[in-house]
Amino acid sequence: MLKQRIITALIMAGLFLAAIAYVPVPGLALLFGILVGLGAWEWAGMAGWQHRIARTLYVLLVLAALLAVYLYCQLGEQPQRLQVQPLLGLGCLWWSFALLWVKGYPQSGVIWRSVLMRSAMGLLILVPGWMAAVYLLSFPPGGLLMVILVIVTATADIGAYFTGKRFGRHKLAVAVSPAKTWEGFWGGVAASSLLAVLLWSQLPERAAHIGVVSVVAVILTTALASVIGDLTVSMVKRESGIKDSGSLLPGHGGVLDRLDSLCAAAPVFALGLLLVGW
């Protein structure tokens, strides 16, 4: 299983880097949109829409929301901060509520257990994450920032995995994800902090006004958001009685199993860059 997981991860990483290097922003927006559509199909099943027609309609709803955001924020041209920042803020606010629901699970299920609420959750997870990812591509240099976003989420995940495996004793959210521990969480925080200092040391001269504290703050909040994204989707999967969101990616499960952390991290990362003056 681990070998299969590594092979799949390497293939995905290669395809991602090739797309970032050679595909223009509108093309990347489309590619990201296809991934979100696949994630929406998986989420529709987790939300309770079992019939193919219902799941297809849900995917079309999510894609229509992506198109509306794309046009409103002018993501294919020169997006304006005044249009995008409030939506990024709303996306970050949503993840604050998600954290409370994760902490309160299973009691919190009374709030979001219905098909309608879980459907709304899917929109709040997928649409802001896609919007933030596409918006990042408009930054100088957008492709590199997208790569950094992925590296931050991967660092937090890898640091938590190995630290938790070696030292894990105290459960982080036993009702949601029994394998996660507080030791693993702090291992992810430590790894992310080291990454932040490394990234700060490599900032170009035009970003010299951004101090190490700002960089650490942005990277750490991004890493923490990625954990919340993972736990939130795990919570809904547990409520739905499934282990993985799908089976499209060998060794990894479904598309949503790879997108959950990124969907939470992207709005936080993009908003953090704006607030520190990138």
C-alpha atoms as a PDB file:
ATOM      1  CA  MET A   1       0.000   0.000   0.000  1.00  0.00           C
ATOM      2  CA  LEU A   2       2.790   2.447   0.889  1.00  0.00           C
ATOM      3  CA  LYS A   3       4.633   1.709  -2.363  1.00  0.00           C
ATOM      4  CA  GLN A   4       1.438   2.264  -4.370  1.00  0.00           C
ATOM      5  CA  ARG A   5       0.789   5.468  -2.454  1.00  0.00           C
ATOM      6  CA  ILE A   6       4.285   6.791  -3.196  1.00  0.00           C
ATOM      7  CA  ILE A   7       4.057   5.934  -6.899  1.00  0.00           C
ATOM      8  CA  THR A   8       0.691   7.679  -7.221  1.00  0.00           C
ATOM      9  CA  ALA A   9       2.011  10.702  -5.319  1.00  0.00           C
ATOM     10  CA  LEU A  10       5.042  10.988  -7.608  1.00  0.00           C
ATOM     11  CA  ILE A  11       2.865  10.805 -10.724  1.00  0.00           C
ATOM     12  CA  MET A  12       0.517  13.466  -9.354  1.00  0.00           C
ATOM     13  CA  ALA A  13       3.456  15.697  -8.397  1.00  0.00           C
ATOM     14  CA  GLY A  14       4.947  15.402 -11.886  1.00  0.00           C
ATOM     15  CA  LEU A  15       1.661  16.225 -13.591  1.00  0.00           C
ATOM     16  CA  PHE A  16       1.090  19.163 -11.230  1.00  0.00           C
ATOM     17  CA  LEU A  17       4.532  20.669 -11.846  1.00  0.00           C
ATOM     18  CA  ALA A  18       4.207  20.207 -15.601  1.00  0.00           C
ATOM     19  CA  ALA A  19       0.818  21.935 -15.588  1.00  0.00           C
ATOM     20  CA  ILE A  20       2.115  24.843 -13.489  1.00  0.00           C
ATOM     21  CA  ALA A  21       5.099  25.271 -15.811  1.00  0.00           C
ATOM     22  CA  TYR A  22       3.393  25.033 -19.186  1.00  0.00           C
ATOM     23  CA  VAL A  23      -0.351  25.683 -18.913  1.00  0.00           C
ATOM     24  CA  PRO A  24      -1.625  29.321 -18.911  1.00  0.00           C
ATOM     25  CA  VAL A  25      -3.876  30.591 -16.121  1.00  0.00           C
ATOM     26  CA  PRO A  26      -7.230  29.991 -17.907  1.00  0.00           C
ATOM     27  CA  GLY A  27      -6.122  26.439 -18.669  1.00  0.00           C
ATOM     28  CA  LEU A  28      -5.073  25.867 -15.060  1.00  0.00           C
ATOM     29  CA  ALA A  29      -8.405  27.263 -13.882  1.00  0.00           C
ATOM     30  CA  LEU A  30     -10.118  24.708 -16.116  1.00  0.00           C
ATOM     31  CA  LEU A  31      -7.914  21.850 -14.911  1.00  0.00           C
ATOM     32  CA  PHE A  32      -8.482  22.798 -11.272  1.00  0.00           C
ATOM     33  CA  GLY A  33     -12.189  23.065 -12.061  1.00  0.00           C
ATOM     34  CA  ILE A  34     -12.232  19.500 -13.421  1.00  0.00           C
ATOM     35  CA  LEU A  35     -10.603  18.278 -10.216  1.00  0.00           C
ATOM     36  CA  VAL A  36     -13.161  20.189  -8.163  1.00  0.00           C
ATOM     37  CA  GLY A  37     -15.928  18.656 -10.273  1.00  0.00           C
ATOM     38  CA  LEU A  38     -14.617  15.175  -9.488  1.00  0.00           C
ATOM     39  CA  GLY A  39     -14.416  16.131  -5.825  1.00  0.00           C
ATOM     40  CA  ALA A  40     -17.994  17.450  -5.996  1.00  0.00           C
ATOM     41  CA  TRP A  41     -19.165  14.094  -7.380  1.00  0.00           C
ATOM     42  CA  GLU A  42     -17.588  12.326  -4.412  1.00  0.00           C
ATOM     43  CA  TRP A  43     -18.941  14.887  -1.951  1.00  0.00           C
ATOM     44  CA  ALA A  44     -22.465  14.507  -3.346  1.00  0.00           C
ATOM     45  CA  GLY A  45     -22.396  10.851  -2.334  1.00  0.00           C
ATOM     46  CA  MET A  46     -21.120  11.778   1.141  1.00  0.00           C
ATOM     47  CA  ALA A  47     -23.853  14.403   1.419  1.00  0.00           C
ATOM     48  CA  GLY A  48     -26.519  11.782   0.788  1.00  0.00           C
ATOM     49  CA  TRP A  49     -27.243  12.204  -2.931  1.00  0.00           C
ATOM     50  CA  GLN A  50     -27.032   8.596  -4.109  1.00  0.00           C
ATOM     51  CA  HIS A  51     -28.879   8.754  -7.429  1.00  0.00           C
ATOM     52  CA  ARG A  52     -26.640   9.538 -10.405  1.00  0.00           C
ATOM     53  CA  ILE A  53     -28.932  12.309 -11.639  1.00  0.00           C
ATOM     54  CA  ALA A  54     -28.894  14.036  -8.244  1.00  0.00           C
ATOM     55  CA  ARG A  55     -25.116  13.768  -8.008  1.00  0.00           C
ATOM     56  CA  THR A  56     -24.722  15.110 -11.547  1.00  0.00           C
ATOM     57  CA  LEU A  57     -26.951  18.085 -10.730  1.00  0.00           C
ATOM     58  CA  TYR A  58     -24.856  18.790  -7.648  1.00  0.00           C
ATOM     59  CA  VAL A  59     -21.661  18.751  -9.719  1.00  0.00           C
ATOM     60  CA  LEU A  60     -23.261  21.163 -12.199  1.00  0.00           C
ATOM     61  CA  LEU A  61     -24.238  23.444  -9.304  1.00  0.00           C
ATOM     62  CA  VAL A  62     -20.660  23.524  -8.034  1.00  0.00           C
ATOM     63  CA  LEU A  63     -19.277  24.175 -11.523  1.00  0.00           C
ATOM     64  CA  ALA A  64     -21.807  26.976 -12.040  1.00  0.00           C
ATOM     65  CA  ALA A  65     -20.604  28.539  -8.771  1.00  0.00           C
ATOM     66  CA  LEU A  66     -17.004  28.326 -10.012  1.00  0.00           C
ATOM     67  CA  LEU A  67     -17.947  30.063 -13.251  1.00  0.00           C
ATOM     68  CA  ALA A  68     -19.827  32.802 -11.383  1.00  0.00           C
ATOM     69  CA  VAL A  69     -16.836  33.457  -9.124  1.00  0.00           C
ATOM     70  CA  TYR A  70     -14.460  33.367 -12.110  1.00  0.00           C
ATOM     71  CA  LEU A  71     -16.462  36.053 -13.915  1.00  0.00           C
ATOM     72  CA  TYR A  72     -17.215  38.209 -10.878  1.00  0.00           C
ATOM     73  CA  CYS A  73     -13.586  38.291  -9.685  1.00  0.00           C
ATOM     74  CA  GLN A  74     -12.178  38.505 -13.238  1.00  0.00           C
ATOM     75  CA  LEU A  75      -9.835  35.656 -12.405  1.00  0.00           C
ATOM     76  CA  GLY A  76      -8.870  35.155 -16.025  1.00  0.00           C
ATOM     77  CA  GLU A  77      -7.730  38.766 -16.407  1.00  0.00           C
ATOM     78  CA  GLN A  78      -6.461  41.036 -13.644  1.00  0.00           C
ATOM     79  CA  PRO A  79      -8.422  40.220 -10.470  1.00  0.00           C
ATOM     80  CA  GLN A  80      -8.934  43.119  -8.088  1.00  0.00           C
ATOM     81  CA  ARG A  81      -8.156  42.772  -4.412  1.00  0.00           C
ATOM     82  CA  LEU A  82     -11.377  44.549  -3.387  1.00  0.00           C
ATOM     83  CA  GLN A  83     -13.434  41.892  -5.144  1.00  0.00           C
ATOM     84  CA  VAL A  84     -11.475  38.855  -4.032  1.00  0.00           C
ATOM     85  CA  GLN A  85     -10.468  39.649  -0.443  1.00  0.00           C
ATOM     86  CA  PRO A  86     -14.027  39.587   1.037  1.00  0.00           C
ATOM     87  CA  LEU A  87     -14.648  36.172  -0.527  1.00  0.00           C
ATOM     88  CA  LEU A  88     -11.350  34.900   0.840  1.00  0.00           C
ATOM     89  CA  GLY A  89     -12.353  36.220   4.255  1.00  0.00           C
ATOM     90  CA  LEU A  90     -15.697  34.413   4.078  1.00  0.00           C
ATOM     91  CA  GLY A  91     -13.880  31.222   3.106  1.00  0.00           C
ATOM     92  CA  CYS A  92     -11.597  31.535   6.132  1.00  0.00           C
ATOM     93  CA  LEU A  93     -14.598  32.285   8.369  1.00  0.00           C
ATOM     94  CA  TRP A  94     -16.264  29.089   7.184  1.00  0.00           C
ATOM     95  CA  TRP A  95     -13.250  27.042   8.271  1.00  0.00           C
ATOM     96  CA  SER A  96     -13.494  28.620  11.724  1.00  0.00           C
ATOM     97  CA  PHE A  97     -17.012  27.202  12.028  1.00  0.00           C
ATOM     98  CA  ALA A  98     -15.797  23.865  10.667  1.00  0.00           C
ATOM     99  CA  LEU A  99     -13.186  23.717  13.443  1.00  0.00           C
ATOM    100  CA  LEU A 100     -15.920  24.179  16.061  1.00  0.00           C
ATOM    101  CA  TRP A 101     -17.960  21.402  14.465  1.00  0.00           C
ATOM    102  CA  VAL A 102     -14.971  19.069  14.445  1.00  0.00           C
ATOM    103  CA  LYS A 103     -14.297  19.792  18.117  1.00  0.00           C
ATOM    104  CA  GLY A 104     -17.953  19.211  18.959  1.00  0.00           C
ATOM    105  CA  TYR A 105     -18.438  16.010  16.947  1.00  0.00           C
ATOM    106  CA  PRO A 106     -20.566  13.865  17.230  1.00  0.00           C
ATOM    107  CA  GLN A 107     -22.858  16.316  19.061  1.00  0.00           C
ATOM    108  CA  SER A 108     -22.314  18.943  16.357  1.00  0.00           C
ATOM    109  CA  GLY A 109     -23.811  16.565  13.809  1.00  0.00           C
ATOM    110  CA  VAL A 110     -27.263  17.812  14.731  1.00  0.00           C
ATOM    111  CA  ILE A 111     -26.353  21.096  13.002  1.00  0.00           C
ATOM    112  CA  TRP A 112     -24.984  19.764   9.712  1.00  0.00           C
ATOM    113  CA  ARG A 113     -26.230  16.162   9.423  1.00  0.00           C
ATOM    114  CA  SER A 114     -29.022  16.904   6.941  1.00  0.00           C
ATOM    115  CA  VAL A 115     -28.477  16.418   3.210  1.00  0.00           C
ATOM    116  CA  LEU A 116     -29.071  20.132   2.589  1.00  0.00           C
ATOM    117  CA  MET A 117     -26.472  21.259   5.125  1.00  0.00           C
ATOM    118  CA  ARG A 118     -23.871  18.781   3.933  1.00  0.00           C
ATOM    119  CA  SER A 119     -24.498  19.931   0.369  1.00  0.00           C
ATOM    120  CA  ALA A 120     -23.883  23.530   1.460  1.00  0.00           C
ATOM    121  CA  MET A 121     -20.701  22.422   3.232  1.00  0.00           C
ATOM    122  CA  GLY A 122     -19.421  20.992  -0.030  1.00  0.00           C
ATOM    123  CA  LEU A 123     -19.897  24.328  -1.768  1.00  0.00           C
ATOM    124  CA  LEU A 124     -18.089  26.140   1.059  1.00  0.00           C
ATOM    125  CA  ILE A 125     -15.185  23.696   0.897  1.00  0.00           C
ATOM    126  CA  LEU A 126     -14.709  23.463  -2.861  1.00  0.00           C
ATOM    127  CA  VAL A 127     -15.569  26.892  -4.288  1.00  0.00           C
ATOM    128  CA  PRO A 128     -13.405  29.179  -2.072  1.00  0.00           C
ATOM    129  CA  GLY A 129     -10.519  26.713  -2.335  1.00  0.00           C
ATOM    130  CA  TRP A 130     -10.672  26.769  -6.142  1.00  0.00           C
ATOM    131  CA  MET A 131     -11.051  30.557  -6.231  1.00  0.00           C
ATOM    132  CA  ALA A 132      -8.034  31.066  -3.957  1.00  0.00           C
ATOM    133  CA  ALA A 133      -5.881  28.677  -6.007  1.00  0.00           C
ATOM    134  CA  VAL A 134      -6.696  30.451  -9.265  1.00  0.00           C
ATOM    135  CA  TYR A 135      -6.229  33.868  -7.638  1.00  0.00           C
ATOM    136  CA  LEU A 136      -2.770  32.835  -6.409  1.00  0.00           C
ATOM    137  CA  LEU A 137      -1.753  32.340 -10.017  1.00  0.00           C
ATOM    138  CA  SER A 138      -2.234  36.094 -10.592  1.00  0.00           C
ATOM    139  CA  PHE A 139       0.421  36.887  -7.973  1.00  0.00           C
ATOM    140  CA  PRO A 140       4.063  37.347  -9.025  1.00  0.00           C
ATOM    141  CA  PRO A 141       5.210  34.545  -9.307  1.00  0.00           C
ATOM    142  CA  GLY A 142       1.893  32.685  -9.140  1.00  0.00           C
ATOM    143  CA  GLY A 143       3.117  29.262 -10.199  1.00  0.00           C
ATOM    144  CA  LEU A 144       5.810  29.237  -7.523  1.00  0.00           C
ATOM    145  CA  LEU A 145       3.297  30.282  -4.859  1.00  0.00           C
ATOM    146  CA  MET A 146       1.033  27.399  -5.852  1.00  0.00           C
ATOM    147  CA  VAL A 147       3.962  25.014  -5.490  1.00  0.00           C
ATOM    148  CA  ILE A 148       4.763  26.521  -2.068  1.00  0.00           C
ATOM    149  CA  LEU A 149       1.130  26.047  -0.992  1.00  0.00           C
ATOM    150  CA  VAL A 150       1.337  22.359  -1.861  1.00  0.00           C
ATOM    151  CA  ILE A 151       4.707  22.032  -0.112  1.00  0.00           C
ATOM    152  CA  VAL A 152       3.310  23.651   3.054  1.00  0.00           C
ATOM    153  CA  THR A 153       0.369  21.247   3.247  1.00  0.00           C
ATOM    154  CA  ALA A 154       2.617  18.276   2.456  1.00  0.00           C
ATOM    155  CA  THR A 155       5.168  19.340   5.089  1.00  0.00           C
ATOM    156  CA  ALA A 156       2.492  19.647   7.767  1.00  0.00           C
ATOM    157  CA  ASP A 157       1.093  16.234   6.806  1.00  0.00           C
ATOM    158  CA  ILE A 158       4.457  14.455   6.610  1.00  0.00           C
ATOM    159  CA  GLY A 159       5.727  16.034   9.828  1.00  0.00           C
ATOM    160  CA  ALA A 160       2.551  15.009  11.637  1.00  0.00           C
ATOM    161  CA  TYR A 161       2.642  11.476  10.209  1.00  0.00           C
ATOM    162  CA  PHE A 162       6.176  10.571  11.206  1.00  0.00           C
ATOM    163  CA  THR A 163       6.094  12.351  14.569  1.00  0.00           C
ATOM    164  CA  GLY A 164       2.736  10.805  15.402  1.00  0.00           C
ATOM    165  CA  LYS A 165       3.930   7.358  14.343  1.00  0.00           C
ATOM    166  CA  ARG A 166       7.023   7.612  16.547  1.00  0.00           C
ATOM    167  CA  PHE A 167       5.767   9.541  19.570  1.00  0.00           C
ATOM    168  CA  GLY A 168       1.961   9.590  19.274  1.00  0.00           C
ATOM    169  CA  ARG A 169       0.177   8.877  22.547  1.00  0.00           C
ATOM    170  CA  HIS A 170      -2.578  11.454  23.023  1.00  0.00           C
ATOM    171  CA  LYS A 171      -5.482  11.473  20.569  1.00  0.00           C
ATOM    172  CA  LEU A 172      -6.218  14.735  18.753  1.00  0.00           C
ATOM    173  CA  ALA A 173      -9.801  14.085  17.653  1.00  0.00           C
ATOM    174  CA  VAL A 174     -10.640  10.506  18.475  1.00  0.00           C
ATOM    175  CA  ALA A 175     -14.275  10.735  17.329  1.00  0.00           C
ATOM    176  CA  VAL A 176     -13.225  12.093  13.917  1.00  0.00           C
ATOM    177  CA  SER A 177      -9.830  10.577  13.082  1.00  0.00           C
ATOM    178  CA  PRO A 178      -8.551   8.117  15.731  1.00  0.00           C
ATOM    179  CA  ALA A 179      -5.094   7.848  14.140  1.00  0.00           C
ATOM    180  CA  LYS A 180      -4.236  11.532  14.628  1.00  0.00           C
ATOM    181  CA  THR A 181      -2.425  12.559  17.811  1.00  0.00           C
ATOM    182  CA  TRP A 182      -1.387  15.772  19.520  1.00  0.00           C
ATOM    183  CA  GLU A 183       2.245  14.706  19.216  1.00  0.00           C
ATOM    184  CA  GLY A 184       1.767  14.400  15.464  1.00  0.00           C
ATOM    185  CA  PHE A 185       0.049  17.777  15.369  1.00  0.00           C
ATOM    186  CA  TRP A 186       2.980  19.487  17.092  1.00  0.00           C
ATOM    187  CA  GLY A 187       5.392  17.636  14.836  1.00  0.00           C
ATOM    188  CA  GLY A 188       3.574  19.139  11.867  1.00  0.00           C
ATOM    189  CA  VAL A 189       3.758  22.573  13.476  1.00  0.00           C
ATOM    190  CA  ALA A 190       7.502  22.210  14.045  1.00  0.00           C
ATOM    191  CA  ALA A 191       8.120  21.067  10.472  1.00  0.00           C
ATOM    192  CA  SER A 192       6.028  23.936   9.119  1.00  0.00           C
ATOM    193  CA  SER A 193       7.909  26.456  11.285  1.00  0.00           C
ATOM    194  CA  LEU A 194      11.246  25.272   9.933  1.00  0.00           C
ATOM    195  CA  LEU A 195       9.870  25.500   6.412  1.00  0.00           C
ATOM    196  CA  ALA A 196       8.672  29.058   7.090  1.00  0.00           C
ATOM    197  CA  VAL A 197      12.125  30.197   8.202  1.00  0.00           C
ATOM    198  CA  LEU A 198      13.664  28.565   5.125  1.00  0.00           C
ATOM    199  CA  LEU A 199      11.169  30.295   2.834  1.00  0.00           C
ATOM    200  CA  TRP A 200      11.779  33.658   4.523  1.00  0.00           C
ATOM    201  CA  SER A 201      15.515  33.287   3.958  1.00  0.00           C
ATOM    202  CA  GLN A 202      14.857  32.841   0.227  1.00  0.00           C
ATOM    203  CA  LEU A 203      12.537  35.835  -0.265  1.00  0.00           C
ATOM    204  CA  PRO A 204      13.472  38.056  -3.221  1.00  0.00           C
ATOM    205  CA  GLU A 205      14.557  41.669  -2.687  1.00  0.00           C
ATOM    206  CA  ARG A 206      11.142  43.041  -3.706  1.00  0.00           C
ATOM    207  CA  ALA A 207       9.651  41.185  -0.724  1.00  0.00           C
ATOM    208  CA  ALA A 208      12.302  42.340   1.759  1.00  0.00           C
ATOM    209  CA  HIS A 209       9.654  44.319   3.682  1.00  0.00           C
ATOM    210  CA  ILE A 210       8.025  41.047   4.794  1.00  0.00           C
ATOM    211  CA  GLY A 211       9.599  39.966   8.088  1.00  0.00           C
ATOM    212  CA  VAL A 212      10.205  36.483   9.391  1.00  0.00           C
ATOM    213  CA  VAL A 213       7.326  36.779  11.897  1.00  0.00           C
ATOM    214  CA  SER A 214       4.894  37.512   9.059  1.00  0.00           C
ATOM    215  CA  VAL A 215       6.141  34.575   7.012  1.00  0.00           C
ATOM    216  CA  VAL A 216       5.920  32.196   9.981  1.00  0.00           C
ATOM    217  CA  ALA A 217       2.403  33.455  10.756  1.00  0.00           C
ATOM    218  CA  VAL A 218       1.204  32.874   7.193  1.00  0.00           C
ATOM    219  CA  ILE A 219       2.812  29.438   6.872  1.00  0.00           C
ATOM    220  CA  LEU A 220       1.617  28.230  10.277  1.00  0.00           C
ATOM    221  CA  THR A 221      -1.980  29.371   9.786  1.00  0.00           C
ATOM    222  CA  THR A 222      -1.942  27.770   6.348  1.00  0.00           C
ATOM    223  CA  ALA A 223      -0.648  24.507   7.812  1.00  0.00           C
ATOM    224  CA  LEU A 224      -3.244  24.602  10.601  1.00  0.00           C
ATOM    225  CA  ALA A 225      -5.999  25.234   8.071  1.00  0.00           C
ATOM    226  CA  SER A 226      -4.861  22.180   6.112  1.00  0.00           C
ATOM    227  CA  VAL A 227      -5.324  20.070   9.256  1.00  0.00           C
ATOM    228  CA  ILE A 228      -8.828  21.471   9.751  1.00  0.00           C
ATOM    229  CA  GLY A 229      -9.691  20.676   6.134  1.00  0.00           C
ATOM    230  CA  ASP A 230      -8.534  17.102   6.549  1.00  0.00           C
ATOM    231  CA  LEU A 231     -10.444  16.659   9.818  1.00  0.00           C
ATOM    232  CA  THR A 232     -13.619  18.219   8.437  1.00  0.00           C
ATOM    233  CA  VAL A 233     -13.809  15.858   5.479  1.00  0.00           C
ATOM    234  CA  SER A 234     -12.877  12.946   7.773  1.00  0.00           C
ATOM    235  CA  MET A 235     -15.770  13.939  10.035  1.00  0.00           C
ATOM    236  CA  VAL A 236     -18.271  13.835   7.185  1.00  0.00           C
ATOM    237  CA  LYS A 237     -16.831  10.540   5.919  1.00  0.00           C
ATOM    238  CA  ARG A 238     -17.213   9.050   9.389  1.00  0.00           C
ATOM    239  CA  GLU A 239     -20.805  10.289   9.551  1.00  0.00           C
ATOM    240  CA  SER A 240     -21.402   8.713   6.123  1.00  0.00           C
ATOM    241  CA  GLY A 241     -19.802   5.433   7.203  1.00  0.00           C
ATOM    242  CA  ILE A 242     -17.040   5.384   4.568  1.00  0.00           C
ATOM    243  CA  LYS A 243     -13.234   5.268   4.770  1.00  0.00           C
ATOM    244  CA  ASP A 244     -12.326   7.082   1.535  1.00  0.00           C
ATOM    245  CA  SER A 245     -14.247   9.589  -0.569  1.00  0.00           C
ATOM    246  CA  GLY A 246     -13.589   7.474  -3.677  1.00  0.00           C
ATOM    247  CA  SER A 247     -11.166   5.065  -5.334  1.00  0.00           C
ATOM    248  CA  LEU A 248      -9.840   7.039  -8.305  1.00  0.00           C
ATOM    249  CA  LEU A 249      -6.317   7.454  -6.893  1.00  0.00           C
ATOM    250  CA  PRO A 250      -4.618   4.135  -5.981  1.00  0.00           C
ATOM    251  CA  GLY A 251      -3.265   4.223  -2.446  1.00  0.00           C
ATOM    252  CA  HIS A 252      -4.848   7.605  -1.742  1.00  0.00           C
ATOM    253  CA  GLY A 253      -8.576   7.012  -2.127  1.00  0.00           C
ATOM    254  CA  GLY A 254     -10.606   9.639  -3.941  1.00  0.00           C
ATOM    255  CA  VAL A 255      -9.841  13.064  -5.382  1.00  0.00           C
ATOM    256  CA  LEU A 256     -11.406  14.709  -2.347  1.00  0.00           C
ATOM    257  CA  ASP A 257      -9.016  12.834  -0.075  1.00  0.00           C
ATOM    258  CA  ARG A 258      -6.199  14.832  -1.736  1.00  0.00           C
ATOM    259  CA  LEU A 259      -8.092  18.112  -2.070  1.00  0.00           C
ATOM    260  CA  ASP A 260      -9.419  18.443   1.485  1.00  0.00           C
ATOM    261  CA  SER A 261      -6.276  19.967   3.009  1.00  0.00           C
ATOM    262  CA  LEU A 262      -5.594  22.188  -0.015  1.00  0.00           C
ATOM    263  CA  CYS A 263      -9.163  23.509  -0.134  1.00  0.00           C
ATOM    264  CA  ALA A 264      -8.807  24.750   3.436  1.00  0.00           C
ATOM    265  CA  ALA A 265      -5.231  25.958   3.103  1.00  0.00           C
ATOM    266  CA  ALA A 266      -5.605  27.922  -0.156  1.00  0.00           C
ATOM    267  CA  PRO A 267      -7.944  30.723   1.087  1.00  0.00           C
ATOM    268  CA  VAL A 268      -5.883  31.161   4.265  1.00  0.00           C
ATOM    269  CA  PHE A 269      -2.627  31.296   2.296  1.00  0.00           C
ATOM    270  CA  ALA A 270      -3.952  33.758  -0.279  1.00  0.00           C
ATOM    271  CA  LEU A 271      -5.519  36.038   2.347  1.00  0.00           C
ATOM    272  CA  GLY A 272      -2.365  35.862   4.453  1.00  0.00           C
ATOM    273  CA  LEU A 273      -0.239  37.001   1.480  1.00  0.00           C
ATOM    274  CA  LEU A 274      -2.546  39.954   0.939  1.00  0.00           C
ATOM    275  CA  LEU A 275      -2.486  40.972   4.578  1.00  0.00           C
ATOM    276  CA  VAL A 276       1.322  40.898   4.857  1.00  0.00           C
ATOM    277  CA  GLY A 277       1.660  43.002   1.721  1.00  0.00           C
ATOM    278  CA  TRP A 278       2.829  40.579  -0.950  1.00  0.00           C
END
